[in-house]
Amino acid sequence: INFKIPDERTILYLESQIMDKYITLFAIISEPKSEIMDAVPFLYGYAIVYTFYTLFPSSRPLFTRKFNDDIFRDVIKRLQGITVTDICIRSSLRKFFPDDGLCFSKLRKYRTPYGSSFVDPLTSSSGNSGSVP
């Protein structure tokens, strides 16, 4: 994968699109909005962390708790406009992912039809649900 640092205009456009979607989500969800919206930044953060984990398997030793906390902190800052502490992040992660959902190495491994392995975030290694392709 070749990365090119996007220009400022592209970054501003993407941030604008994310904020528009976030505001739209807030407008269409039903009560209790605060409970749902508290979880949304952590779901976005989880998706980002998981993407790094699956796309860059040789870099997994770099994806430490601090790396994860930094991603969650940045997502929360961009979506909610607040800066949170590591303690707040970890407390919220325990609330939203009580089974240590960010410990991807504990999750069940699958094989794709193309032979590359990835991790299914929905099935734990101890679970027998689902079939391995």
N, C-alpha and C. Protein backbone atom coordinates (compact mmCIF):
# COMPACT_ATOMS: atom_id res chain seq x y z
N ILE A 1 0.86 -1.17 0.00
CA ILE A 1 0.00 0.00 0.00
C ILE A 1 0.89 1.23 0.00
N ASN A 2 0.61 2.11 -0.90
CA ASN A 2 1.37 3.35 -1.02
C ASN A 2 0.56 4.49 -0.42
N PHE A 3 1.13 5.19 0.52
CA PHE A 3 0.41 6.30 1.14
C PHE A 3 0.94 7.62 0.62
N LYS A 4 0.02 8.51 0.38
CA LYS A 4 0.35 9.87 -0.01
C LYS A 4 -0.35 10.79 0.97
N ILE A 5 0.37 11.69 1.57
CA ILE A 5 -0.24 12.61 2.52
C ILE A 5 -1.19 13.53 1.76
N PRO A 6 -2.48 13.52 2.16
CA PRO A 6 -3.44 14.35 1.43
C PRO A 6 -3.21 15.83 1.69
N ASP A 7 -3.63 16.64 0.75
CA ASP A 7 -3.49 18.08 0.93
C ASP A 7 -4.54 18.58 1.93
N GLU A 8 -4.36 19.78 2.41
CA GLU A 8 -5.23 20.35 3.44
C GLU A 8 -6.69 20.41 2.98
N ARG A 9 -6.89 20.72 1.72
CA ARG A 9 -8.25 20.81 1.19
C ARG A 9 -8.97 19.46 1.27
N THR A 10 -8.27 18.40 0.95
CA THR A 10 -8.85 17.05 1.02
C THR A 10 -9.18 16.70 2.46
N ILE A 11 -8.28 17.00 3.37
CA ILE A 11 -8.51 16.71 4.79
C ILE A 11 -9.74 17.46 5.29
N LEU A 12 -9.83 18.74 4.97
CA LEU A 12 -10.98 19.53 5.40
C LEU A 12 -12.28 18.99 4.81
N TYR A 13 -12.24 18.58 3.56
CA TYR A 13 -13.42 18.00 2.92
C TYR A 13 -13.86 16.72 3.64
N LEU A 14 -12.91 15.83 3.90
CA LEU A 14 -13.24 14.57 4.56
C LEU A 14 -13.76 14.81 5.98
N GLU A 15 -13.14 15.72 6.71
CA GLU A 15 -13.63 16.05 8.05
C GLU A 15 -15.05 16.60 7.98
N SER A 16 -15.31 17.43 7.00
CA SER A 16 -16.65 17.99 6.82
C SER A 16 -17.67 16.88 6.55
N GLN A 17 -17.31 15.93 5.71
CA GLN A 17 -18.21 14.83 5.40
C GLN A 17 -18.49 13.97 6.63
N ILE A 18 -17.46 13.70 7.40
CA ILE A 18 -17.64 12.90 8.62
C ILE A 18 -18.55 13.64 9.60
N MET A 19 -18.32 14.93 9.77
CA MET A 19 -19.16 15.71 10.69
C MET A 19 -20.61 15.76 10.20
N ASP A 20 -20.82 15.92 8.91
CA ASP A 20 -22.18 15.93 8.37
C ASP A 20 -22.89 14.62 8.67
N LYS A 21 -22.20 13.51 8.48
CA LYS A 21 -22.79 12.19 8.76
C LYS A 21 -23.08 12.03 10.25
N TYR A 22 -22.18 12.52 11.08
CA TYR A 22 -22.35 12.43 12.53
C TYR A 22 -23.57 13.24 12.97
N ILE A 23 -23.73 14.43 12.43
CA ILE A 23 -24.87 15.28 12.77
C ILE A 23 -26.16 14.65 12.26
N THR A 24 -26.13 14.09 11.07
CA THR A 24 -27.31 13.42 10.53
C THR A 24 -27.70 12.24 11.41
N LEU A 25 -26.72 11.46 11.83
CA LEU A 25 -26.98 10.34 12.73
C LEU A 25 -27.65 10.82 14.00
N PHE A 26 -27.12 11.90 14.57
CA PHE A 26 -27.67 12.45 15.80
C PHE A 26 -29.13 12.86 15.60
N ALA A 27 -29.44 13.43 14.45
CA ALA A 27 -30.79 13.91 14.17
C ALA A 27 -31.79 12.77 13.99
N ILE A 28 -31.35 11.63 13.46
CA ILE A 28 -32.31 10.58 13.14
C ILE A 28 -32.47 9.51 14.23
N ILE A 29 -31.54 9.43 15.17
CA ILE A 29 -31.69 8.38 16.19
C ILE A 29 -32.72 8.81 17.23
N SER A 30 -33.31 7.80 17.86
CA SER A 30 -34.32 8.08 18.88
C SER A 30 -33.65 8.17 20.25
N GLU A 31 -34.44 8.52 21.23
CA GLU A 31 -33.94 8.61 22.60
C GLU A 31 -33.57 7.21 23.08
N PRO A 32 -32.64 7.04 23.94
CA PRO A 32 -31.78 8.02 24.60
C PRO A 32 -30.57 8.37 23.73
N LYS A 33 -30.57 9.54 23.16
CA LYS A 33 -29.50 9.98 22.25
C LYS A 33 -28.14 9.98 22.93
N SER A 34 -28.08 10.43 24.17
CA SER A 34 -26.77 10.57 24.81
C SER A 34 -26.07 9.23 24.95
N GLU A 35 -26.80 8.18 25.29
CA GLU A 35 -26.18 6.87 25.43
C GLU A 35 -25.66 6.35 24.10
N ILE A 36 -26.44 6.55 23.04
CA ILE A 36 -26.03 6.09 21.72
C ILE A 36 -24.85 6.91 21.21
N MET A 37 -24.96 8.22 21.35
CA MET A 37 -23.90 9.08 20.81
C MET A 37 -22.60 8.96 21.61
N ASP A 38 -22.66 8.56 22.85
CA ASP A 38 -21.44 8.29 23.61
C ASP A 38 -20.67 7.12 23.02
N ALA A 39 -21.40 6.16 22.46
CA ALA A 39 -20.76 4.96 21.92
C ALA A 39 -20.21 5.17 20.51
N VAL A 40 -20.78 6.08 19.74
CA VAL A 40 -20.42 6.24 18.33
C VAL A 40 -18.92 6.52 18.12
N PRO A 41 -18.30 7.46 18.85
CA PRO A 41 -16.86 7.68 18.62
C PRO A 41 -16.03 6.42 18.89
N PHE A 42 -16.46 5.60 19.83
CA PHE A 42 -15.71 4.38 20.14
C PHE A 42 -15.92 3.33 19.05
N LEU A 43 -17.08 3.33 18.43
CA LEU A 43 -17.30 2.42 17.30
C LEU A 43 -16.45 2.84 16.10
N TYR A 44 -16.41 4.14 15.83
CA TYR A 44 -15.53 4.65 14.76
C TYR A 44 -14.07 4.32 15.08
N GLY A 45 -13.66 4.59 16.32
CA GLY A 45 -12.29 4.31 16.73
C GLY A 45 -11.95 2.84 16.60
N TYR A 46 -12.89 1.98 17.00
CA TYR A 46 -12.69 0.54 16.89
C TYR A 46 -12.47 0.15 15.42
N ALA A 47 -13.28 0.72 14.53
CA ALA A 47 -13.15 0.41 13.11
C ALA A 47 -11.78 0.82 12.59
N ILE A 48 -11.28 1.95 13.04
CA ILE A 48 -9.96 2.42 12.59
C ILE A 48 -8.86 1.51 13.13
N VAL A 49 -8.91 1.20 14.42
CA VAL A 49 -7.90 0.33 15.02
C VAL A 49 -7.92 -1.04 14.34
N TYR A 50 -9.10 -1.58 14.14
CA TYR A 50 -9.23 -2.89 13.50
C TYR A 50 -8.69 -2.87 12.07
N THR A 51 -8.93 -1.78 11.36
CA THR A 51 -8.42 -1.66 10.00
C THR A 51 -6.89 -1.68 9.98
N PHE A 52 -6.28 -0.92 10.88
CA PHE A 52 -4.81 -0.96 10.98
C PHE A 52 -4.34 -2.38 11.28
N TYR A 53 -5.01 -3.03 12.21
CA TYR A 53 -4.61 -4.37 12.63
C TYR A 53 -4.69 -5.36 11.48
N THR A 54 -5.74 -5.28 10.67
CA THR A 54 -5.89 -6.25 9.59
C THR A 54 -5.08 -5.91 8.34
N LEU A 55 -4.90 -4.62 8.04
CA LEU A 55 -4.17 -4.25 6.83
C LEU A 55 -2.65 -4.32 6.98
N PHE A 56 -2.16 -4.19 8.21
CA PHE A 56 -0.72 -4.15 8.43
C PHE A 56 -0.30 -5.18 9.47
N PRO A 57 -0.45 -6.47 9.16
CA PRO A 57 -0.14 -7.50 10.16
C PRO A 57 1.31 -7.49 10.64
N SER A 58 2.24 -7.12 9.81
CA SER A 58 3.64 -7.12 10.24
C SER A 58 3.94 -5.95 11.19
N SER A 59 3.04 -4.98 11.26
CA SER A 59 3.23 -3.83 12.16
C SER A 59 2.47 -3.98 13.46
N ARG A 60 1.85 -5.10 13.71
CA ARG A 60 1.01 -5.27 14.90
C ARG A 60 1.73 -4.98 16.21
N PRO A 61 3.03 -5.26 16.34
CA PRO A 61 3.70 -4.91 17.59
C PRO A 61 3.67 -3.40 17.88
N LEU A 62 3.49 -2.58 16.86
CA LEU A 62 3.43 -1.13 17.05
C LEU A 62 2.06 -0.66 17.54
N PHE A 63 1.05 -1.50 17.40
CA PHE A 63 -0.31 -1.11 17.76
C PHE A 63 -0.54 -1.38 19.25
N THR A 64 0.08 -0.57 20.05
CA THR A 64 0.02 -0.71 21.50
C THR A 64 -1.24 -0.06 22.06
N ARG A 65 -1.42 -0.20 23.35
CA ARG A 65 -2.54 0.46 24.02
C ARG A 65 -2.47 1.97 23.81
N LYS A 66 -1.27 2.53 23.86
CA LYS A 66 -1.10 3.97 23.65
C LYS A 66 -1.53 4.35 22.23
N PHE A 67 -1.14 3.55 21.25
CA PHE A 67 -1.56 3.79 19.86
C PHE A 67 -3.08 3.81 19.78
N ASN A 68 -3.73 2.80 20.37
CA ASN A 68 -5.19 2.73 20.36
C ASN A 68 -5.80 3.94 21.07
N ASP A 69 -5.26 4.28 22.24
CA ASP A 69 -5.78 5.44 22.98
C ASP A 69 -5.67 6.72 22.16
N ASP A 70 -4.55 6.87 21.45
CA ASP A 70 -4.37 8.06 20.61
C ASP A 70 -5.42 8.13 19.50
N ILE A 71 -5.74 6.98 18.92
CA ILE A 71 -6.77 6.96 17.88
C ILE A 71 -8.12 7.34 18.47
N PHE A 72 -8.48 6.72 19.59
CA PHE A 72 -9.77 7.04 20.21
C PHE A 72 -9.82 8.52 20.63
N ARG A 73 -8.73 9.01 21.17
CA ARG A 73 -8.68 10.42 21.59
C ARG A 73 -8.91 11.35 20.39
N ASP A 74 -8.27 11.03 19.27
CA ASP A 74 -8.41 11.87 18.08
C ASP A 74 -9.84 11.81 17.53
N VAL A 75 -10.42 10.62 17.50
CA VAL A 75 -11.80 10.48 17.00
C VAL A 75 -12.76 11.27 17.89
N ILE A 76 -12.61 11.15 19.20
CA ILE A 76 -13.49 11.87 20.12
C ILE A 76 -13.32 13.37 19.95
N LYS A 77 -12.09 13.82 19.81
CA LYS A 77 -11.82 15.25 19.62
C LYS A 77 -12.48 15.76 18.34
N ARG A 78 -12.37 14.99 17.27
CA ARG A 78 -12.94 15.44 16.00
C ARG A 78 -14.47 15.38 15.98
N LEU A 79 -15.06 14.37 16.62
CA LEU A 79 -16.51 14.23 16.58
C LEU A 79 -17.22 15.05 17.66
N GLN A 80 -16.63 15.09 18.85
CA GLN A 80 -17.33 15.74 19.95
C GLN A 80 -16.68 17.05 20.40
N GLY A 81 -15.48 17.32 19.89
CA GLY A 81 -14.82 18.57 20.22
C GLY A 81 -14.26 18.65 21.62
N ILE A 82 -14.07 17.49 22.26
CA ILE A 82 -13.50 17.48 23.61
C ILE A 82 -12.25 16.62 23.64
N THR A 83 -11.39 16.92 24.59
CA THR A 83 -10.20 16.12 24.81
C THR A 83 -10.42 15.29 26.06
N VAL A 84 -10.17 13.99 25.97
CA VAL A 84 -10.40 13.10 27.10
C VAL A 84 -9.08 12.47 27.55
N THR A 85 -9.07 11.98 28.78
CA THR A 85 -7.89 11.36 29.35
C THR A 85 -7.83 9.87 28.99
N ASP A 86 -6.67 9.27 29.20
CA ASP A 86 -6.52 7.83 28.99
C ASP A 86 -7.48 7.05 29.89
N ILE A 87 -7.66 7.52 31.10
CA ILE A 87 -8.55 6.83 32.04
C ILE A 87 -9.99 6.84 31.52
N CYS A 88 -10.41 7.97 30.98
CA CYS A 88 -11.75 8.06 30.40
C CYS A 88 -11.90 7.12 29.22
N ILE A 89 -10.89 7.06 28.38
CA ILE A 89 -10.93 6.17 27.21
C ILE A 89 -11.01 4.72 27.65
N ARG A 90 -10.17 4.33 28.56
CA ARG A 90 -10.16 2.92 28.99
C ARG A 90 -11.43 2.54 29.73
N SER A 91 -11.95 3.46 30.51
CA SER A 91 -13.21 3.20 31.20
C SER A 91 -14.34 3.01 30.20
N SER A 92 -14.39 3.87 29.20
CA SER A 92 -15.42 3.76 28.16
C SER A 92 -15.24 2.49 27.34
N LEU A 93 -14.00 2.13 27.04
CA LEU A 93 -13.76 0.90 26.28
C LEU A 93 -14.27 -0.32 27.06
N ARG A 94 -14.04 -0.34 28.37
CA ARG A 94 -14.55 -1.45 29.19
C ARG A 94 -16.08 -1.47 29.17
N LYS A 95 -16.68 -0.30 29.10
CA LYS A 95 -18.15 -0.22 29.07
C LYS A 95 -18.69 -0.71 27.73
N PHE A 96 -18.10 -0.26 26.63
CA PHE A 96 -18.62 -0.58 25.30
C PHE A 96 -18.11 -1.90 24.75
N PHE A 97 -16.94 -2.35 25.19
CA PHE A 97 -16.35 -3.61 24.75
C PHE A 97 -15.93 -4.42 25.97
N PRO A 98 -16.89 -4.94 26.73
CA PRO A 98 -16.57 -5.57 28.01
C PRO A 98 -15.73 -6.84 27.91
N ASP A 99 -15.72 -7.48 26.78
CA ASP A 99 -14.97 -8.73 26.62
C ASP A 99 -13.60 -8.51 26.01
N ASP A 100 -12.98 -7.36 26.30
CA ASP A 100 -11.65 -7.04 25.77
C ASP A 100 -11.67 -7.13 24.25
N GLY A 101 -12.66 -6.48 23.65
CA GLY A 101 -12.86 -6.53 22.21
C GLY A 101 -11.71 -5.99 21.39
N LEU A 102 -10.80 -5.22 22.00
CA LEU A 102 -9.67 -4.69 21.25
C LEU A 102 -8.48 -5.62 21.24
N CYS A 103 -8.59 -6.73 21.94
CA CYS A 103 -7.49 -7.69 21.92
C CYS A 103 -7.73 -8.64 20.75
N PHE A 104 -7.41 -8.19 19.54
CA PHE A 104 -7.73 -8.93 18.34
C PHE A 104 -7.04 -10.29 18.28
N SER A 105 -5.90 -10.42 18.94
CA SER A 105 -5.17 -11.69 18.87
C SER A 105 -5.95 -12.82 19.52
N LYS A 106 -6.93 -12.49 20.36
CA LYS A 106 -7.76 -13.52 21.00
C LYS A 106 -8.93 -13.95 20.12
N LEU A 107 -9.12 -13.26 19.02
CA LEU A 107 -10.28 -13.54 18.18
C LEU A 107 -10.00 -14.65 17.19
N ARG A 108 -11.05 -15.27 16.73
CA ARG A 108 -10.96 -16.42 15.84
C ARG A 108 -10.41 -16.01 14.48
N LYS A 109 -9.50 -16.80 13.94
CA LYS A 109 -8.89 -16.49 12.65
C LYS A 109 -9.60 -17.28 11.55
N TYR A 110 -9.77 -16.62 10.44
CA TYR A 110 -10.41 -17.21 9.27
C TYR A 110 -9.47 -17.13 8.09
N ARG A 111 -9.77 -17.91 7.08
CA ARG A 111 -9.03 -17.85 5.82
C ARG A 111 -9.98 -17.31 4.76
N THR A 112 -9.47 -16.41 3.95
CA THR A 112 -10.28 -15.88 2.85
C THR A 112 -10.16 -16.84 1.68
N PRO A 113 -11.03 -16.72 0.70
CA PRO A 113 -10.89 -17.57 -0.49
C PRO A 113 -9.56 -17.35 -1.22
N TYR A 114 -8.91 -16.23 -0.93
CA TYR A 114 -7.65 -15.91 -1.60
C TYR A 114 -6.44 -16.36 -0.79
N GLY A 115 -6.68 -16.99 0.34
CA GLY A 115 -5.60 -17.54 1.13
C GLY A 115 -5.05 -16.65 2.21
N SER A 116 -5.36 -15.37 2.21
CA SER A 116 -4.84 -14.50 3.26
C SER A 116 -5.73 -14.60 4.49
N SER A 117 -5.13 -14.53 5.65
CA SER A 117 -5.92 -14.67 6.87
C SER A 117 -6.33 -13.30 7.38
N PHE A 118 -7.44 -13.26 8.06
CA PHE A 118 -7.88 -12.06 8.74
C PHE A 118 -8.60 -12.48 10.00
N VAL A 119 -8.98 -11.55 10.80
CA VAL A 119 -9.61 -11.85 12.07
C VAL A 119 -11.06 -11.38 12.04
N ASP A 120 -11.95 -12.25 12.44
CA ASP A 120 -13.35 -11.90 12.49
C ASP A 120 -13.63 -11.28 13.86
N PRO A 121 -14.03 -10.00 13.93
CA PRO A 121 -14.21 -9.34 15.21
C PRO A 121 -15.45 -9.79 15.95
N LEU A 122 -16.29 -10.61 15.34
CA LEU A 122 -17.54 -10.98 15.97
C LEU A 122 -17.50 -12.34 16.65
N THR A 123 -16.47 -13.12 16.42
CA THR A 123 -16.42 -14.47 16.95
C THR A 123 -15.15 -14.66 17.77
N SER A 124 -15.30 -15.04 19.02
CA SER A 124 -14.11 -15.23 19.86
C SER A 124 -13.50 -16.59 19.58
N SER A 125 -12.23 -16.77 19.99
CA SER A 125 -11.52 -18.02 19.75
C SER A 125 -12.15 -19.19 20.50
N SER A 126 -12.86 -18.89 21.58
CA SER A 126 -13.48 -19.97 22.34
C SER A 126 -14.85 -20.34 21.78
N GLY A 127 -15.41 -19.47 20.91
CA GLY A 127 -16.73 -19.73 20.36
C GLY A 127 -16.69 -20.72 19.21
N ASN A 128 -17.77 -21.46 19.06
CA ASN A 128 -17.87 -22.43 17.99
C ASN A 128 -18.87 -22.01 16.93
N SER A 129 -19.39 -20.79 17.06
CA SER A 129 -20.40 -20.36 16.10
C SER A 129 -19.76 -20.00 14.78
N GLY A 130 -20.51 -20.20 13.74
CA GLY A 130 -20.00 -19.86 12.41
C GLY A 130 -19.11 -20.95 11.89
N SER A 131 -18.89 -20.95 10.61
CA SER A 131 -18.02 -21.95 10.02
C SER A 131 -16.81 -21.26 9.42
N VAL A 132 -15.74 -21.97 9.40
CA VAL A 132 -14.51 -21.44 8.81
C VAL A 132 -14.51 -21.79 7.35
N PRO A 133 -14.42 -20.77 6.48
CA PRO A 133 -14.42 -21.05 5.04
C PRO A 133 -13.22 -21.87 4.61
